[in-house]
C-alpha atoms as a PDB file:
ATOM      1  CA  MET A   1      -5.131 -13.128  -0.821  1.00  0.00           C
ATOM      2  CA  ALA A   2      -7.269 -10.023  -0.605  1.00  0.00           C
ATOM      3  CA  VAL A   3      -6.496  -6.389   0.040  1.00  0.00           C
ATOM      4  CA  ASN A   4      -7.465  -5.578   3.631  1.00  0.00           C
ATOM      5  CA  VAL A   5      -8.520  -2.192   4.966  1.00  0.00           C
ATOM      6  CA  THR A   6      -6.280  -0.640   7.629  1.00  0.00           C
ATOM      7  CA  THR A   7      -7.018   2.410   9.769  1.00  0.00           C
ATOM      8  CA  ASP A   8      -5.184   4.929  11.917  1.00  0.00           C
ATOM      9  CA  GLN A   9      -5.978   2.695  14.893  1.00  0.00           C
ATOM     10  CA  THR A  10      -4.779  -0.609  13.385  1.00  0.00           C
ATOM     11  CA  PHE A  11      -2.012   0.471  10.986  1.00  0.00           C
ATOM     12  CA  GLU A  12       1.053  -0.287  13.129  1.00  0.00           C
ATOM     13  CA  LYS A  13      -0.250  -3.687  14.243  1.00  0.00           C
ATOM     14  CA  ASP A  14      -1.441  -4.619  10.747  1.00  0.00           C
ATOM     15  CA  THR A  15       1.921  -3.815   9.138  1.00  0.00           C
ATOM     16  CA  ALA A  16       4.321  -4.960  11.877  1.00  0.00           C
ATOM     17  CA  ASN A  17       5.327  -8.334  10.438  1.00  0.00           C
ATOM     18  CA  GLY A  18       6.546  -9.539   7.075  1.00  0.00           C
ATOM     19  CA  VAL A  19       6.321  -7.503   3.891  1.00  0.00           C
ATOM     20  CA  ALA A  20       3.312  -5.210   3.551  1.00  0.00           C
ATOM     21  CA  LEU A  21       2.157  -2.956   0.737  1.00  0.00           C
ATOM     22  CA  ILE A  22      -0.158  -0.148   1.813  1.00  0.00           C
ATOM     23  CA  ASP A  23      -2.165   1.691  -0.843  1.00  0.00           C
ATOM     24  CA  PHE A  24      -2.907   5.241   0.368  1.00  0.00           C
ATOM     25  CA  TRP A  25      -5.900   6.424  -1.672  1.00  0.00           C
ATOM     26  CA  ALA A  26      -9.098   8.500  -1.700  1.00  0.00           C
ATOM     27  CA  THR A  27     -12.490   7.981  -3.314  1.00  0.00           C
ATOM     28  CA  TRP A  28     -12.236  11.190  -5.378  1.00  0.00           C
ATOM     29  CA  CYS A  29      -8.798  10.315  -6.834  1.00  0.00           C
ATOM     30  CA  GLY A  30      -8.906   9.123 -10.465  1.00  0.00           C
ATOM     31  CA  PRO A  31      -5.397   7.594 -10.538  1.00  0.00           C
ATOM     32  CA  CYS A  32      -6.229   5.808  -7.257  1.00  0.00           C
ATOM     33  CA  ARG A  33      -9.201   4.135  -8.953  1.00  0.00           C
ATOM     34  CA  MET A  34      -6.843   2.993 -11.723  1.00  0.00           C
ATOM     35  CA  GLN A  35      -4.254   1.687  -9.227  1.00  0.00           C
ATOM     36  CA  SER A  36      -6.735  -0.237  -7.075  1.00  0.00           C
ATOM     37  CA  PRO A  37      -7.420  -3.161  -9.474  1.00  0.00           C
ATOM     38  CA  VAL A  38      -3.666  -3.486 -10.081  1.00  0.00           C
ATOM     39  CA  VAL A  39      -3.073  -3.844  -6.341  1.00  0.00           C
ATOM     40  CA  GLU A  40      -5.984  -6.318  -6.104  1.00  0.00           C
ATOM     41  CA  ALA A  41      -4.474  -8.464  -8.868  1.00  0.00           C
ATOM     42  CA  LEU A  42      -1.037  -8.381  -7.246  1.00  0.00           C
ATOM     43  CA  SER A  43      -2.545  -9.506  -3.942  1.00  0.00           C
ATOM     44  CA  GLU A  44      -3.840 -12.628  -5.698  1.00  0.00           C
ATOM     45  CA  ASP A  45      -0.470 -13.273  -7.348  1.00  0.00           C
ATOM     46  CA  MET A  46       1.960 -12.376  -4.545  1.00  0.00           C
ATOM     47  CA  THR A  47       0.542 -14.223  -1.545  1.00  0.00           C
ATOM     48  CA  ASN A  48       3.744 -13.783   0.482  1.00  0.00           C
ATOM     49  CA  ILE A  49       2.963 -10.057   0.860  1.00  0.00           C
ATOM     50  CA  ASN A  50       0.257  -8.511   3.044  1.00  0.00           C
ATOM     51  CA  PHE A  51      -1.775  -5.967   1.067  1.00  0.00           C
ATOM     52  CA  PHE A  52      -3.659  -3.096   2.695  1.00  0.00           C
ATOM     53  CA  LYS A  53      -5.487   0.028   1.601  1.00  0.00           C
ATOM     54  CA  MET A  54      -6.002   3.190   3.612  1.00  0.00           C
ATOM     55  CA  ASP A  55      -8.426   5.980   2.741  1.00  0.00           C
ATOM     56  CA  VAL A  56      -6.466   9.156   3.555  1.00  0.00           C
ATOM     57  CA  ASP A  57      -9.642  11.197   4.085  1.00  0.00           C
ATOM     58  CA  GLN A  58     -10.931   8.821   6.754  1.00  0.00           C
ATOM     59  CA  ASN A  59      -7.469   8.196   8.275  1.00  0.00           C
ATOM     60  CA  PRO A  60      -5.555  11.482   8.186  1.00  0.00           C
ATOM     61  CA  GLU A  61      -3.232  10.762  11.132  1.00  0.00           C
ATOM     62  CA  THR A  62      -1.237   8.005   9.458  1.00  0.00           C
ATOM     63  CA  ALA A  63      -1.051   9.890   6.158  1.00  0.00           C
ATOM     64  CA  ARG A  64       0.185  12.985   7.987  1.00  0.00           C
ATOM     65  CA  HIS A  65       2.701  10.989  10.060  1.00  0.00           C
ATOM     66  CA  PHE A  66       4.284   9.527   6.919  1.00  0.00           C
ATOM     67  CA  GLN A  67       3.977  12.817   5.011  1.00  0.00           C
ATOM     68  CA  ILE A  68       1.799  11.371   2.257  1.00  0.00           C
ATOM     69  CA  MET A  69       1.376  14.420   0.020  1.00  0.00           C
ATOM     70  CA  SER A  70       0.280  12.801  -3.256  1.00  0.00           C
ATOM     71  CA  ILE A  71      -1.973   9.872  -3.938  1.00  0.00           C
ATOM     72  CA  PRO A  72      -1.922   7.173  -4.857  1.00  0.00           C
ATOM     73  CA  THR A  73       1.120   6.439  -2.723  1.00  0.00           C
ATOM     74  CA  LEU A  74       2.116   2.836  -2.214  1.00  0.00           C
ATOM     75  CA  MET A  75       4.208   2.274   0.894  1.00  0.00           C
ATOM     76  CA  VAL A  76       6.244  -0.884   1.391  1.00  0.00           C
ATOM     77  CA  LYS A  77       7.062  -1.981   4.926  1.00  0.00           C
ATOM     78  CA  LYS A  78       9.229  -4.910   5.938  1.00  0.00           C
ATOM     79  CA  ASP A  79       8.953  -6.110   9.531  1.00  0.00           C
ATOM     80  CA  GLY A  80       7.417  -2.796  10.541  1.00  0.00           C
ATOM     81  CA  GLN A  81       9.996  -0.551   8.863  1.00  0.00           C
ATOM     82  CA  VAL A  82       9.253   1.602   5.813  1.00  0.00           C
ATOM     83  CA  VAL A  83      11.552   0.439   3.011  1.00  0.00           C
ATOM     84  CA  ASP A  84       9.969   2.152  -0.013  1.00  0.00           C
ATOM     85  CA  GLN A  85       7.350   4.679  -1.116  1.00  0.00           C
ATOM     86  CA  ILE A  86       6.023   4.652  -4.653  1.00  0.00           C
ATOM     87  CA  VAL A  87       4.065   7.741  -5.714  1.00  0.00           C
ATOM     88  CA  GLY A  88       1.616   7.780  -8.607  1.00  0.00           C
ATOM     89  CA  TYR A  89       0.091   5.088 -10.784  1.00  0.00           C
ATOM     90  CA  HIS A  90       2.335   2.125 -11.644  1.00  0.00           C
ATOM     91  CA  PRO A  91       1.491  -0.934 -13.784  1.00  0.00           C
ATOM     92  CA  ALA A  92       1.493  -4.424 -12.282  1.00  0.00           C
ATOM     93  CA  GLU A  93       4.781  -5.623 -13.777  1.00  0.00           C
ATOM     94  CA  GLN A  94       6.672  -2.601 -12.483  1.00  0.00           C
ATOM     95  CA  LEU A  95       5.211  -2.998  -8.989  1.00  0.00           C
ATOM     96  CA  LYS A  96       5.935  -6.719  -9.005  1.00  0.00           C
ATOM     97  CA  GLN A  97       9.613  -6.064  -9.764  1.00  0.00           C
ATOM     98  CA  ILE A  98       9.814  -3.517  -6.950  1.00  0.00           C
ATOM     99  CA  LEU A  99       8.104  -5.820  -4.451  1.00  0.00           C
ATOM    100  CA  GLN A 100      10.171  -8.893  -5.333  1.00  0.00           C
ATOM    101  CA  GLN A 101      13.340  -7.241  -4.053  1.00  0.00           C
ATOM    102  CA  TYR A 102      11.829  -7.212  -0.547  1.00  0.00           C
ATOM    103  CA  THR A 103      10.661 -10.836  -0.581  1.00  0.00           C
ATOM    104  CA  ASP A 104      13.734 -12.614  -1.976  1.00  0.00           C
END
């Protein structure tokens, strides 16, 4: 499975069902560029989760609504409800452990 792009306009619909991980990032953010391939790899491994990325500079409304103050921030939603927010770079194994608790 791939990481899909979500926007201010599509965010709620995109993340309404199942478990979703949303990577809030920006092009100028070094740690975001490190986190991105980790999220890509997880999307290939954890096909029961919907993976999205959102550029906070191009989509400020959603970032503001959820008070995203630092990036990268990884938000986990389950059936449309925010269940976790993970701030900063995290390696794949750590993220996998966090995500598994929402899929079991």
